[in-house]
Amino acid sequence: KEITLTNGELNQLMFFCPGCKSHHYFNRSWEFNNDFDKPTVYPSVMVNRGKVNPTVPICHSIITDGKIKYEADSTHALAGTTVEMEEL
């Protein structure tokens, strides 16, 4: 899902993370293939690096062709797995 600013410019993109059971965002300046059905994003998405927020898991994922590959350093139950992205 696109997040637009009040001036109408696209700023961030959002996806639902089933590992964290919440939404994550990435900046539109990252490489994105502009395919909202099967997105690919570069670089990887890292949430809560260093466990800054102790109530939220560390989530490190790579999004390729509409699939989320959770890296082993993620601290939720889907670490080390790959899942299809869910439509918002």
N, C-alpha and C. Protein backbone atom coordinates (compact mmCIF):
# COMPACT_ATOMS: atom_id res chain seq x y z
N LYS A 1 0.84 -1.18 0.00
CA LYS A 1 0.00 0.00 0.00
C LYS A 1 0.88 1.23 0.00
N GLU A 2 0.47 2.23 -0.75
CA GLU A 2 1.22 3.48 -0.84
C GLU A 2 0.83 4.43 0.28
N ILE A 3 1.79 5.14 0.81
CA ILE A 3 1.55 6.17 1.81
C ILE A 3 1.92 7.49 1.15
N THR A 4 0.96 8.39 0.96
CA THR A 4 1.24 9.65 0.28
C THR A 4 1.30 10.80 1.27
N LEU A 5 2.09 11.77 0.93
CA LEU A 5 2.21 12.98 1.74
C LEU A 5 1.10 13.95 1.35
N THR A 6 0.92 14.98 2.15
CA THR A 6 -0.15 15.94 1.87
C THR A 6 0.07 16.66 0.54
N ASN A 7 1.30 16.74 0.08
CA ASN A 7 1.55 17.38 -1.21
C ASN A 7 1.34 16.42 -2.38
N GLY A 8 0.90 15.19 -2.09
CA GLY A 8 0.61 14.22 -3.13
C GLY A 8 1.78 13.37 -3.57
N GLU A 9 2.96 13.59 -3.01
CA GLU A 9 4.13 12.81 -3.39
C GLU A 9 4.15 11.49 -2.63
N LEU A 10 4.55 10.44 -3.33
CA LEU A 10 4.68 9.13 -2.70
C LEU A 10 5.93 9.13 -1.82
N ASN A 11 5.77 8.75 -0.56
CA ASN A 11 6.88 8.79 0.38
C ASN A 11 7.32 7.40 0.81
N GLN A 12 6.38 6.56 1.25
CA GLN A 12 6.72 5.25 1.76
C GLN A 12 5.75 4.21 1.21
N LEU A 13 6.18 2.97 1.26
CA LEU A 13 5.33 1.85 0.92
C LEU A 13 5.19 0.98 2.15
N MET A 14 4.04 0.32 2.29
CA MET A 14 3.72 -0.44 3.48
C MET A 14 3.33 -1.85 3.08
N PHE A 15 3.67 -2.82 3.94
CA PHE A 15 3.22 -4.20 3.74
C PHE A 15 2.92 -4.81 5.10
N PHE A 16 2.07 -5.83 5.09
CA PHE A 16 1.76 -6.54 6.33
C PHE A 16 2.78 -7.64 6.53
N CYS A 17 3.33 -7.70 7.73
CA CYS A 17 4.32 -8.72 8.09
C CYS A 17 3.64 -9.77 8.97
N PRO A 18 3.44 -10.99 8.44
CA PRO A 18 2.82 -12.03 9.26
C PRO A 18 3.71 -12.51 10.40
N GLY A 19 5.01 -12.31 10.30
CA GLY A 19 5.91 -12.69 11.38
C GLY A 19 5.71 -11.82 12.61
N CYS A 20 5.56 -10.52 12.39
CA CYS A 20 5.36 -9.57 13.49
C CYS A 20 3.88 -9.29 13.76
N LYS A 21 3.05 -9.72 12.81
CA LYS A 21 1.61 -9.44 12.89
C LYS A 21 1.34 -7.95 12.94
N SER A 22 2.10 -7.21 12.14
CA SER A 22 1.93 -5.76 12.06
C SER A 22 2.42 -5.29 10.69
N HIS A 23 2.27 -4.01 10.44
CA HIS A 23 2.71 -3.43 9.16
C HIS A 23 4.13 -2.91 9.29
N HIS A 24 4.88 -3.03 8.20
CA HIS A 24 6.21 -2.44 8.11
C HIS A 24 6.22 -1.49 6.93
N TYR A 25 7.12 -0.54 6.98
CA TYR A 25 7.25 0.48 5.95
C TYR A 25 8.67 0.48 5.40
N PHE A 26 8.80 0.87 4.15
CA PHE A 26 10.13 1.14 3.62
C PHE A 26 10.05 2.41 2.79
N ASN A 27 11.15 3.11 2.75
CA ASN A 27 11.23 4.39 2.08
C ASN A 27 11.18 4.20 0.57
N ARG A 28 10.46 5.06 -0.11
CA ARG A 28 10.30 4.96 -1.57
C ARG A 28 11.63 5.17 -2.30
N SER A 29 12.64 5.69 -1.62
CA SER A 29 13.94 5.88 -2.26
C SER A 29 14.68 4.54 -2.44
N TRP A 30 14.21 3.47 -1.76
CA TRP A 30 14.82 2.16 -1.96
C TRP A 30 14.47 1.65 -3.34
N GLU A 31 15.23 0.69 -3.81
CA GLU A 31 14.92 0.09 -5.11
C GLU A 31 13.64 -0.73 -4.98
N PHE A 32 12.69 -0.46 -5.85
CA PHE A 32 11.40 -1.14 -5.85
C PHE A 32 11.01 -1.36 -7.31
N ASN A 33 10.55 -2.55 -7.64
CA ASN A 33 10.25 -2.89 -9.03
C ASN A 33 8.91 -2.33 -9.52
N ASN A 34 8.21 -1.57 -8.68
CA ASN A 34 6.91 -0.96 -9.03
C ASN A 34 5.84 -1.97 -9.36
N ASP A 35 5.99 -3.19 -8.92
CA ASP A 35 4.98 -4.23 -9.13
C ASP A 35 4.29 -4.47 -7.78
N PHE A 36 3.05 -3.97 -7.65
CA PHE A 36 2.34 -4.09 -6.38
C PHE A 36 1.75 -5.48 -6.18
N ASP A 37 1.73 -6.32 -7.23
CA ASP A 37 1.26 -7.70 -7.09
C ASP A 37 2.39 -8.63 -6.66
N LYS A 38 3.59 -8.43 -7.19
CA LYS A 38 4.75 -9.26 -6.86
C LYS A 38 5.96 -8.35 -6.64
N PRO A 39 5.94 -7.60 -5.53
CA PRO A 39 7.01 -6.63 -5.31
C PRO A 39 8.36 -7.27 -5.01
N THR A 40 9.40 -6.55 -5.44
CA THR A 40 10.77 -6.85 -5.08
C THR A 40 11.36 -5.54 -4.55
N VAL A 41 12.02 -5.61 -3.39
CA VAL A 41 12.55 -4.42 -2.72
C VAL A 41 14.02 -4.68 -2.39
N TYR A 42 14.84 -3.65 -2.56
CA TYR A 42 16.24 -3.74 -2.18
C TYR A 42 16.63 -2.43 -1.51
N PRO A 43 17.30 -2.42 -0.40
CA PRO A 43 17.88 -3.55 0.33
C PRO A 43 16.85 -4.28 1.18
N SER A 44 17.33 -5.15 2.03
CA SER A 44 16.44 -5.88 2.93
C SER A 44 15.76 -4.91 3.90
N VAL A 45 14.68 -5.39 4.51
CA VAL A 45 13.93 -4.60 5.49
C VAL A 45 14.31 -5.09 6.89
N MET A 46 14.79 -4.18 7.71
CA MET A 46 15.20 -4.53 9.08
C MET A 46 14.40 -3.69 10.05
N VAL A 47 13.66 -4.36 10.94
CA VAL A 47 12.82 -3.67 11.92
C VAL A 47 13.33 -4.01 13.32
N ASN A 48 13.48 -2.98 14.13
CA ASN A 48 13.92 -3.11 15.53
C ASN A 48 15.34 -3.67 15.65
N ARG A 49 16.20 -3.19 14.78
CA ARG A 49 17.63 -3.57 14.84
C ARG A 49 18.17 -3.30 16.24
N GLY A 50 18.87 -4.26 16.80
CA GLY A 50 19.45 -4.11 18.12
C GLY A 50 18.45 -4.22 19.26
N LYS A 51 17.21 -4.64 18.93
CA LYS A 51 16.14 -4.82 19.93
C LYS A 51 15.95 -3.54 20.75
N VAL A 52 15.93 -2.41 20.04
CA VAL A 52 15.74 -1.11 20.69
C VAL A 52 14.43 -1.09 21.47
N ASN A 53 13.37 -1.66 20.89
CA ASN A 53 12.09 -1.79 21.58
C ASN A 53 11.94 -3.23 22.04
N PRO A 54 12.07 -3.50 23.33
CA PRO A 54 12.05 -4.88 23.82
C PRO A 54 10.71 -5.60 23.67
N THR A 55 9.64 -4.86 23.35
CA THR A 55 8.32 -5.49 23.21
C THR A 55 8.02 -5.90 21.76
N VAL A 56 8.94 -5.60 20.85
CA VAL A 56 8.75 -5.89 19.42
C VAL A 56 9.86 -6.82 18.96
N PRO A 57 9.55 -7.85 18.15
CA PRO A 57 10.61 -8.73 17.67
C PRO A 57 11.53 -8.03 16.68
N ILE A 58 12.72 -8.54 16.56
CA ILE A 58 13.60 -8.13 15.47
C ILE A 58 13.07 -8.82 14.23
N CYS A 59 12.96 -8.08 13.15
CA CYS A 59 12.45 -8.66 11.91
C CYS A 59 13.35 -8.23 10.77
N HIS A 60 13.98 -9.19 10.13
CA HIS A 60 14.88 -8.93 9.01
C HIS A 60 14.38 -9.75 7.84
N SER A 61 13.96 -9.08 6.78
CA SER A 61 13.36 -9.80 5.66
C SER A 61 13.84 -9.27 4.32
N ILE A 62 13.75 -10.15 3.33
CA ILE A 62 14.04 -9.81 1.95
C ILE A 62 12.77 -10.06 1.15
N ILE A 63 12.33 -9.05 0.42
CA ILE A 63 11.10 -9.16 -0.37
C ILE A 63 11.47 -9.34 -1.83
N THR A 64 11.08 -10.49 -2.38
CA THR A 64 11.39 -10.81 -3.77
C THR A 64 10.18 -11.47 -4.42
N ASP A 65 9.75 -10.93 -5.56
CA ASP A 65 8.64 -11.51 -6.34
C ASP A 65 7.41 -11.81 -5.49
N GLY A 66 7.08 -10.91 -4.57
CA GLY A 66 5.88 -11.07 -3.76
C GLY A 66 6.01 -12.04 -2.61
N LYS A 67 7.23 -12.43 -2.29
CA LYS A 67 7.47 -13.35 -1.17
C LYS A 67 8.37 -12.66 -0.15
N ILE A 68 8.09 -12.95 1.12
CA ILE A 68 8.91 -12.42 2.21
C ILE A 68 9.77 -13.56 2.73
N LYS A 69 11.09 -13.39 2.60
CA LYS A 69 12.03 -14.38 3.15
C LYS A 69 12.58 -13.80 4.45
N TYR A 70 12.25 -14.47 5.55
CA TYR A 70 12.71 -14.00 6.86
C TYR A 70 14.09 -14.56 7.13
N GLU A 71 15.00 -13.67 7.42
CA GLU A 71 16.37 -14.07 7.72
C GLU A 71 16.45 -14.72 9.11
N ALA A 72 17.49 -15.49 9.33
CA ALA A 72 17.65 -16.25 10.58
C ALA A 72 17.82 -15.34 11.80
N ASP A 73 18.23 -14.07 11.59
CA ASP A 73 18.40 -13.18 12.74
C ASP A 73 17.08 -12.54 13.20
N SER A 74 15.98 -12.86 12.53
CA SER A 74 14.66 -12.44 13.02
C SER A 74 14.36 -13.20 14.30
N THR A 75 13.61 -12.58 15.20
CA THR A 75 13.36 -13.24 16.49
C THR A 75 11.90 -13.68 16.65
N HIS A 76 11.16 -13.74 15.57
CA HIS A 76 9.77 -14.22 15.65
C HIS A 76 9.69 -15.65 15.09
N ALA A 77 8.52 -16.24 15.17
CA ALA A 77 8.33 -17.65 14.80
C ALA A 77 8.58 -17.96 13.33
N LEU A 78 8.56 -16.96 12.44
CA LEU A 78 8.76 -17.22 11.02
C LEU A 78 10.21 -17.07 10.57
N ALA A 79 11.14 -16.85 11.50
CA ALA A 79 12.56 -16.73 11.16
C ALA A 79 13.00 -17.95 10.36
N GLY A 80 13.72 -17.71 9.27
CA GLY A 80 14.23 -18.80 8.45
C GLY A 80 13.23 -19.37 7.46
N THR A 81 12.06 -18.76 7.34
CA THR A 81 11.04 -19.25 6.41
C THR A 81 10.76 -18.21 5.33
N THR A 82 10.04 -18.64 4.30
CA THR A 82 9.59 -17.75 3.23
C THR A 82 8.07 -17.89 3.10
N VAL A 83 7.37 -16.76 3.04
CA VAL A 83 5.90 -16.76 2.93
C VAL A 83 5.47 -15.82 1.81
N GLU A 84 4.30 -16.07 1.25
CA GLU A 84 3.70 -15.18 0.27
C GLU A 84 3.23 -13.91 0.99
N MET A 85 3.38 -12.77 0.34
CA MET A 85 2.86 -11.53 0.90
C MET A 85 1.34 -11.56 0.89
N GLU A 86 0.74 -10.94 1.89
CA GLU A 86 -0.71 -10.85 1.97
C GLU A 86 -1.16 -9.53 1.34
N GLU A 87 -2.28 -9.58 0.63
CA GLU A 87 -2.82 -8.37 0.04
C GLU A 87 -3.42 -7.49 1.14
N LEU A 88 -3.17 -6.19 1.04
CA LEU A 88 -3.73 -5.25 2.01
C LEU A 88 -5.09 -4.80 1.59
